[in-house]
Amino acid sequence: MRLEPVLAAGFAEYRRQRLPFWSAPAPEEGPEGVEPWPHDPGPPFENWPGLAPPVAVATDTPSPARAAARTVAHLVNAGGHELKDCRLALVPARRSADLPALLEWSSEAPVPLVSALLRSWEERFGTQVVSACGNSLHVSVARPPRNLRDAELLACEHVLSTAASIVDDPPTPFPEYAAELVGRSDWWFWWD
């Protein structure tokens, strides 16, 4: 799959659908006892801005394998619901990005697109799939973006993965989501 044209078309459609929400002011009041969703101004781009640039390997950069081990240890030690119904599996794969397709992962995710994104992120950010359980996917990140501009570009890629966890649930305004990606060593996605 040629990723850039697919993402460019996806961004144009995403912008067309979401522009009315980005342009409208946030509602001042909602039902009693319900917090209003924060206003989301959307991405700061009118057109597809292109892929986030790769992050160079530095002397203090962990290897992708070490970053994956750190993320798995965190998930296990956190004891959260993320791994509650997961099972350990050894899958003969050359790249972790191929795991969703090799496992015939059944979720609402567009697996060919997600696999193409994962391969690209593996090359640019040293990512590794550490968990594909139910409708969720955990990814370790050896070389996360180091500045807000690169994180905004990456956040566009995350949004176009169609994961429900990116901006819609919980409702996180795009600028906040992008800022959270700076230096973040793990990414979590889930689809309805």
C-alpha atoms as a PDB file:
ATOM      1  CA  MET A   1       0.000   0.000   0.000  1.00  0.00           C
ATOM      2  CA  ARG A   2       1.318   3.440  -0.924  1.00  0.00           C
ATOM      3  CA  LEU A   3       0.695   5.224   2.361  1.00  0.00           C
ATOM      4  CA  GLU A   4       1.027   8.905   1.401  1.00  0.00           C
ATOM      5  CA  PRO A   5      -1.821   9.047  -1.187  1.00  0.00           C
ATOM      6  CA  VAL A   6      -4.128   7.054   1.096  1.00  0.00           C
ATOM      7  CA  LEU A   7      -3.433   9.380   4.027  1.00  0.00           C
ATOM      8  CA  ALA A   8      -3.781  12.502   1.861  1.00  0.00           C
ATOM      9  CA  ALA A   9      -7.232  11.363   0.700  1.00  0.00           C
ATOM     10  CA  GLY A  10      -8.150  10.333   4.230  1.00  0.00           C
ATOM     11  CA  PHE A  11      -7.100  13.706   5.614  1.00  0.00           C
ATOM     12  CA  ALA A  12      -9.212  15.574   3.042  1.00  0.00           C
ATOM     13  CA  GLU A  13     -12.274  13.509   3.988  1.00  0.00           C
ATOM     14  CA  TYR A  14     -11.541  13.803   7.718  1.00  0.00           C
ATOM     15  CA  ARG A  15     -11.239  17.590   7.396  1.00  0.00           C
ATOM     16  CA  ARG A  16     -14.456  17.806   5.354  1.00  0.00           C
ATOM     17  CA  GLN A  17     -16.412  15.850   7.980  1.00  0.00           C
ATOM     18  CA  ARG A  18     -14.937  17.537  11.050  1.00  0.00           C
ATOM     19  CA  LEU A  19     -14.644  21.172   9.906  1.00  0.00           C
ATOM     20  CA  PRO A  20     -18.146  22.102  11.164  1.00  0.00           C
ATOM     21  CA  PHE A  21     -17.189  20.883  14.651  1.00  0.00           C
ATOM     22  CA  TRP A  22     -13.838  22.697  14.617  1.00  0.00           C
ATOM     23  CA  SER A  23     -15.479  25.940  13.479  1.00  0.00           C
ATOM     24  CA  ALA A  24     -18.357  25.883  15.948  1.00  0.00           C
ATOM     25  CA  PRO A  25     -17.806  27.267  19.447  1.00  0.00           C
ATOM     26  CA  ALA A  26     -17.929  24.804  22.312  1.00  0.00           C
ATOM     27  CA  PRO A  27     -21.395  24.473  23.854  1.00  0.00           C
ATOM     28  CA  GLU A  28     -21.610  26.490  27.022  1.00  0.00           C
ATOM     29  CA  GLU A  29     -23.976  24.182  28.831  1.00  0.00           C
ATOM     30  CA  GLY A  30     -25.033  20.580  28.512  1.00  0.00           C
ATOM     31  CA  PRO A  31     -27.334  18.323  30.475  1.00  0.00           C
ATOM     32  CA  GLU A  32     -27.116  18.732  34.225  1.00  0.00           C
ATOM     33  CA  GLY A  33     -24.233  16.794  35.735  1.00  0.00           C
ATOM     34  CA  VAL A  34     -22.529  16.237  32.370  1.00  0.00           C
ATOM     35  CA  GLU A  35     -19.300  18.056  31.609  1.00  0.00           C
ATOM     36  CA  PRO A  36     -19.359  19.682  28.160  1.00  0.00           C
ATOM     37  CA  TRP A  37     -16.807  18.348  25.713  1.00  0.00           C
ATOM     38  CA  PRO A  38     -13.900  20.693  25.232  1.00  0.00           C
ATOM     39  CA  HIS A  39     -13.752  22.630  21.979  1.00  0.00           C
ATOM     40  CA  ASP A  40     -11.474  20.969  19.436  1.00  0.00           C
ATOM     41  CA  PRO A  41      -9.950  23.365  16.904  1.00  0.00           C
ATOM     42  CA  GLY A  42      -8.626  20.377  14.921  1.00  0.00           C
ATOM     43  CA  PRO A  43      -5.227  20.043  13.268  1.00  0.00           C
ATOM     44  CA  PRO A  44      -3.403  23.241  12.279  1.00  0.00           C
ATOM     45  CA  PHE A  45      -3.248  22.114   8.635  1.00  0.00           C
ATOM     46  CA  GLU A  46      -5.624  22.826   5.759  1.00  0.00           C
ATOM     47  CA  ASN A  47      -4.129  20.107   3.563  1.00  0.00           C
ATOM     48  CA  TRP A  48      -2.354  16.837   4.225  1.00  0.00           C
ATOM     49  CA  PRO A  49       0.979  17.983   5.725  1.00  0.00           C
ATOM     50  CA  GLY A  50       2.901  14.793   4.971  1.00  0.00           C
ATOM     51  CA  LEU A  51       4.382  12.161   7.232  1.00  0.00           C
ATOM     52  CA  ALA A  52       6.156  13.094  10.435  1.00  0.00           C
ATOM     53  CA  PRO A  53       9.926  12.992   9.920  1.00  0.00           C
ATOM     54  CA  PRO A  54      11.898  10.072  11.327  1.00  0.00           C
ATOM     55  CA  VAL A  55      13.636  10.516  14.659  1.00  0.00           C
ATOM     56  CA  ALA A  56      17.351   9.811  14.490  1.00  0.00           C
ATOM     57  CA  VAL A  57      18.962   7.231  16.730  1.00  0.00           C
ATOM     58  CA  ALA A  58      20.954   8.923  19.499  1.00  0.00           C
ATOM     59  CA  THR A  59      23.463   7.412  21.910  1.00  0.00           C
ATOM     60  CA  ASP A  60      20.863   7.313  24.687  1.00  0.00           C
ATOM     61  CA  THR A  61      18.083   5.904  22.477  1.00  0.00           C
ATOM     62  CA  PRO A  62      16.887   2.464  23.566  1.00  0.00           C
ATOM     63  CA  SER A  63      16.759  -0.242  20.933  1.00  0.00           C
ATOM     64  CA  PRO A  64      13.257  -1.114  19.681  1.00  0.00           C
ATOM     65  CA  ALA A  65      13.531  -4.445  21.555  1.00  0.00           C
ATOM     66  CA  ARG A  66      14.481  -2.706  24.818  1.00  0.00           C
ATOM     67  CA  ALA A  67      11.654  -0.176  24.393  1.00  0.00           C
ATOM     68  CA  ALA A  68       9.209  -3.047  23.770  1.00  0.00           C
ATOM     69  CA  ALA A  69      10.406  -4.884  26.895  1.00  0.00           C
ATOM     70  CA  ARG A  70       9.966  -1.689  28.930  1.00  0.00           C
ATOM     71  CA  THR A  71       6.406  -1.203  27.614  1.00  0.00           C
ATOM     72  CA  VAL A  72       5.440  -4.838  28.269  1.00  0.00           C
ATOM     73  CA  ALA A  73       6.842  -4.616  31.812  1.00  0.00           C
ATOM     74  CA  HIS A  74       4.835  -1.445  32.385  1.00  0.00           C
ATOM     75  CA  LEU A  75       1.627  -3.067  31.105  1.00  0.00           C
ATOM     76  CA  VAL A  76       2.136  -6.167  33.261  1.00  0.00           C
ATOM     77  CA  ASN A  77       3.077  -4.206  36.383  1.00  0.00           C
ATOM     78  CA  ALA A  78       0.236  -1.720  35.951  1.00  0.00           C
ATOM     79  CA  GLY A  79      -2.242  -4.573  36.231  1.00  0.00           C
ATOM     80  CA  GLY A  80      -4.748  -2.594  34.214  1.00  0.00           C
ATOM     81  CA  HIS A  81      -7.634  -3.819  32.144  1.00  0.00           C
ATOM     82  CA  GLU A  82      -5.549  -3.630  28.956  1.00  0.00           C
ATOM     83  CA  LEU A  83      -4.185  -7.157  29.379  1.00  0.00           C
ATOM     84  CA  LYS A  84      -7.068  -8.709  31.323  1.00  0.00           C
ATOM     85  CA  ASP A  85      -8.261 -11.114  28.621  1.00  0.00           C
ATOM     86  CA  CYS A  86      -5.063 -11.286  26.571  1.00  0.00           C
ATOM     87  CA  ARG A  87      -3.102 -14.440  25.875  1.00  0.00           C
ATOM     88  CA  LEU A  88       0.590 -14.754  25.138  1.00  0.00           C
ATOM     89  CA  ALA A  89       1.411 -15.830  21.600  1.00  0.00           C
ATOM     90  CA  LEU A  90       4.645 -16.363  19.710  1.00  0.00           C
ATOM     91  CA  VAL A  91       4.158 -15.455  16.083  1.00  0.00           C
ATOM     92  CA  PRO A  92       6.767 -16.148  13.390  1.00  0.00           C
ATOM     93  CA  ALA A  93       7.044 -12.693  11.857  1.00  0.00           C
ATOM     94  CA  ARG A  94       9.924 -10.736  10.392  1.00  0.00           C
ATOM     95  CA  ARG A  95       8.433  -7.482  11.679  1.00  0.00           C
ATOM     96  CA  SER A  96       6.051  -6.744  14.527  1.00  0.00           C
ATOM     97  CA  ALA A  97       4.134  -4.481  12.136  1.00  0.00           C
ATOM     98  CA  ASP A  98       2.967  -7.617  10.330  1.00  0.00           C
ATOM     99  CA  LEU A  99       1.359  -9.126  13.448  1.00  0.00           C
ATOM    100  CA  PRO A 100      -2.193  -7.801  12.959  1.00  0.00           C
ATOM    101  CA  ALA A 101      -2.332  -9.273   9.455  1.00  0.00           C
ATOM    102  CA  LEU A 102      -0.601 -12.551  10.391  1.00  0.00           C
ATOM    103  CA  LEU A 103      -2.890 -13.038  13.384  1.00  0.00           C
ATOM    104  CA  GLU A 104      -5.902 -12.255  11.200  1.00  0.00           C
ATOM    105  CA  TRP A 105      -6.685  -9.778  13.932  1.00  0.00           C
ATOM    106  CA  SER A 106     -10.420  -9.287  14.044  1.00  0.00           C
ATOM    107  CA  SER A 107     -11.280  -5.775  15.055  1.00  0.00           C
ATOM    108  CA  GLU A 108     -12.998  -2.822  13.451  1.00  0.00           C
ATOM    109  CA  ALA A 109      -9.584  -1.502  12.446  1.00  0.00           C
ATOM    110  CA  PRO A 110      -8.735  -1.260   8.737  1.00  0.00           C
ATOM    111  CA  VAL A 111      -5.950  -3.862   9.038  1.00  0.00           C
ATOM    112  CA  PRO A 112      -4.172  -3.105   5.708  1.00  0.00           C
ATOM    113  CA  LEU A 113      -3.954   0.599   6.591  1.00  0.00           C
ATOM    114  CA  VAL A 114      -2.942  -0.085  10.194  1.00  0.00           C
ATOM    115  CA  SER A 115      -0.260  -2.534   9.045  1.00  0.00           C
ATOM    116  CA  ALA A 116       1.115   0.026   6.568  1.00  0.00           C
ATOM    117  CA  LEU A 117       1.185   2.684   9.313  1.00  0.00           C
ATOM    118  CA  LEU A 118       2.877   0.265  11.707  1.00  0.00           C
ATOM    119  CA  ARG A 119       5.581  -0.550   9.145  1.00  0.00           C
ATOM    120  CA  SER A 120       6.195   3.148   8.555  1.00  0.00           C
ATOM    121  CA  TRP A 121       6.291   3.927  12.291  1.00  0.00           C
ATOM    122  CA  GLU A 122       8.647   0.996  12.838  1.00  0.00           C
ATOM    123  CA  GLU A 123      11.117   2.572  10.410  1.00  0.00           C
ATOM    124  CA  ARG A 124      10.709   6.185  11.556  1.00  0.00           C
ATOM    125  CA  PHE A 125      10.190   5.782  15.318  1.00  0.00           C
ATOM    126  CA  GLY A 126      11.440   2.289  16.240  1.00  0.00           C
ATOM    127  CA  THR A 127       7.961   1.094  17.188  1.00  0.00           C
ATOM    128  CA  GLN A 128       7.041  -2.484  18.037  1.00  0.00           C
ATOM    129  CA  VAL A 129       3.590  -4.013  18.463  1.00  0.00           C
ATOM    130  CA  VAL A 130       3.539  -5.377  22.010  1.00  0.00           C
ATOM    131  CA  SER A 131      -0.146  -6.258  22.327  1.00  0.00           C
ATOM    132  CA  ALA A 132      -3.049  -6.922  19.981  1.00  0.00           C
ATOM    133  CA  CYS A 133      -5.910  -7.899  22.231  1.00  0.00           C
ATOM    134  CA  GLY A 134      -9.594  -7.574  21.432  1.00  0.00           C
ATOM    135  CA  ASN A 135     -10.030  -4.279  19.613  1.00  0.00           C
ATOM    136  CA  SER A 136      -6.946  -2.646  21.108  1.00  0.00           C
ATOM    137  CA  LEU A 137      -3.356  -2.362  20.026  1.00  0.00           C
ATOM    138  CA  HIS A 138      -0.368  -1.307  22.157  1.00  0.00           C
ATOM    139  CA  VAL A 139       2.808  -0.082  20.506  1.00  0.00           C
ATOM    140  CA  SER A 140       6.163   0.665  22.128  1.00  0.00           C
ATOM    141  CA  VAL A 141       8.136   3.626  20.805  1.00  0.00           C
ATOM    142  CA  ALA A 142      11.938   3.750  20.935  1.00  0.00           C
ATOM    143  CA  ARG A 143      12.270   7.191  19.274  1.00  0.00           C
ATOM    144  CA  PRO A 144       9.189   9.370  19.920  1.00  0.00           C
ATOM    145  CA  PRO A 145       8.860  12.828  18.370  1.00  0.00           C
ATOM    146  CA  ARG A 146      10.884  15.457  20.208  1.00  0.00           C
ATOM    147  CA  ASN A 147       9.004  18.615  19.286  1.00  0.00           C
ATOM    148  CA  LEU A 148       5.430  19.778  18.911  1.00  0.00           C
ATOM    149  CA  ARG A 149       5.538  20.331  15.143  1.00  0.00           C
ATOM    150  CA  ASP A 150       6.595  16.713  14.489  1.00  0.00           C
ATOM    151  CA  ALA A 151       4.066  15.487  17.065  1.00  0.00           C
ATOM    152  CA  GLU A 152       1.283  17.365  15.223  1.00  0.00           C
ATOM    153  CA  LEU A 153       2.243  15.608  11.988  1.00  0.00           C
ATOM    154  CA  LEU A 154       2.274  12.259  13.775  1.00  0.00           C
ATOM    155  CA  ALA A 155      -1.063  13.010  15.459  1.00  0.00           C
ATOM    156  CA  CYS A 156      -2.588  13.399  11.974  1.00  0.00           C
ATOM    157  CA  GLU A 157      -1.342   9.906  11.148  1.00  0.00           C
ATOM    158  CA  HIS A 158      -2.824   8.556  14.391  1.00  0.00           C
ATOM    159  CA  VAL A 159      -6.176  10.176  13.652  1.00  0.00           C
ATOM    160  CA  LEU A 160      -6.231   8.673  10.160  1.00  0.00           C
ATOM    161  CA  SER A 161      -5.721   5.182  11.617  1.00  0.00           C
ATOM    162  CA  THR A 162      -9.469   5.538  12.419  1.00  0.00           C
ATOM    163  CA  ALA A 163      -8.874   4.483  16.041  1.00  0.00           C
ATOM    164  CA  ALA A 164     -11.710   5.622  18.302  1.00  0.00           C
ATOM    165  CA  SER A 165      -9.233   6.261  21.119  1.00  0.00           C
ATOM    166  CA  ILE A 166      -7.472   9.146  19.394  1.00  0.00           C
ATOM    167  CA  VAL A 167      -9.704  12.200  19.533  1.00  0.00           C
ATOM    168  CA  ASP A 168     -13.260  10.983  20.111  1.00  0.00           C
ATOM    169  CA  ASP A 169     -13.114   8.753  23.168  1.00  0.00           C
ATOM    170  CA  PRO A 170     -12.263  10.288  25.519  1.00  0.00           C
ATOM    171  CA  PRO A 171     -12.820  13.631  23.806  1.00  0.00           C
ATOM    172  CA  THR A 172      -9.337  15.100  23.569  1.00  0.00           C
ATOM    173  CA  PRO A 173      -8.798  18.231  21.499  1.00  0.00           C
ATOM    174  CA  PHE A 174      -6.268  17.656  18.722  1.00  0.00           C
ATOM    175  CA  PRO A 175      -3.672  20.133  20.115  1.00  0.00           C
ATOM    176  CA  GLU A 176      -3.681  18.330  23.482  1.00  0.00           C
ATOM    177  CA  TYR A 177      -3.394  14.902  21.874  1.00  0.00           C
ATOM    178  CA  ALA A 178      -0.465  16.062  19.732  1.00  0.00           C
ATOM    179  CA  ALA A 179       1.327  17.627  22.718  1.00  0.00           C
ATOM    180  CA  GLU A 180       1.018  14.335  24.627  1.00  0.00           C
ATOM    181  CA  LEU A 181       2.964  12.538  21.860  1.00  0.00           C
ATOM    182  CA  VAL A 182       6.162  14.544  22.480  1.00  0.00           C
ATOM    183  CA  GLY A 183       8.526  12.105  24.188  1.00  0.00           C
ATOM    184  CA  ARG A 184       5.813   9.478  24.735  1.00  0.00           C
ATOM    185  CA  SER A 185       7.253   5.937  24.695  1.00  0.00           C
ATOM    186  CA  ASP A 186       4.045   3.994  24.102  1.00  0.00           C
ATOM    187  CA  TRP A 187       0.914   4.445  22.008  1.00  0.00           C
ATOM    188  CA  TRP A 188      -2.439   2.798  22.581  1.00  0.00           C
ATOM    189  CA  PHE A 189      -5.176   2.467  19.989  1.00  0.00           C
ATOM    190  CA  TRP A 190      -8.618   0.910  20.125  1.00  0.00           C
ATOM    191  CA  TRP A 191     -11.485   0.594  17.699  1.00  0.00           C
ATOM    192  CA  ASP A 192     -15.202   0.157  18.447  1.00  0.00           C
END
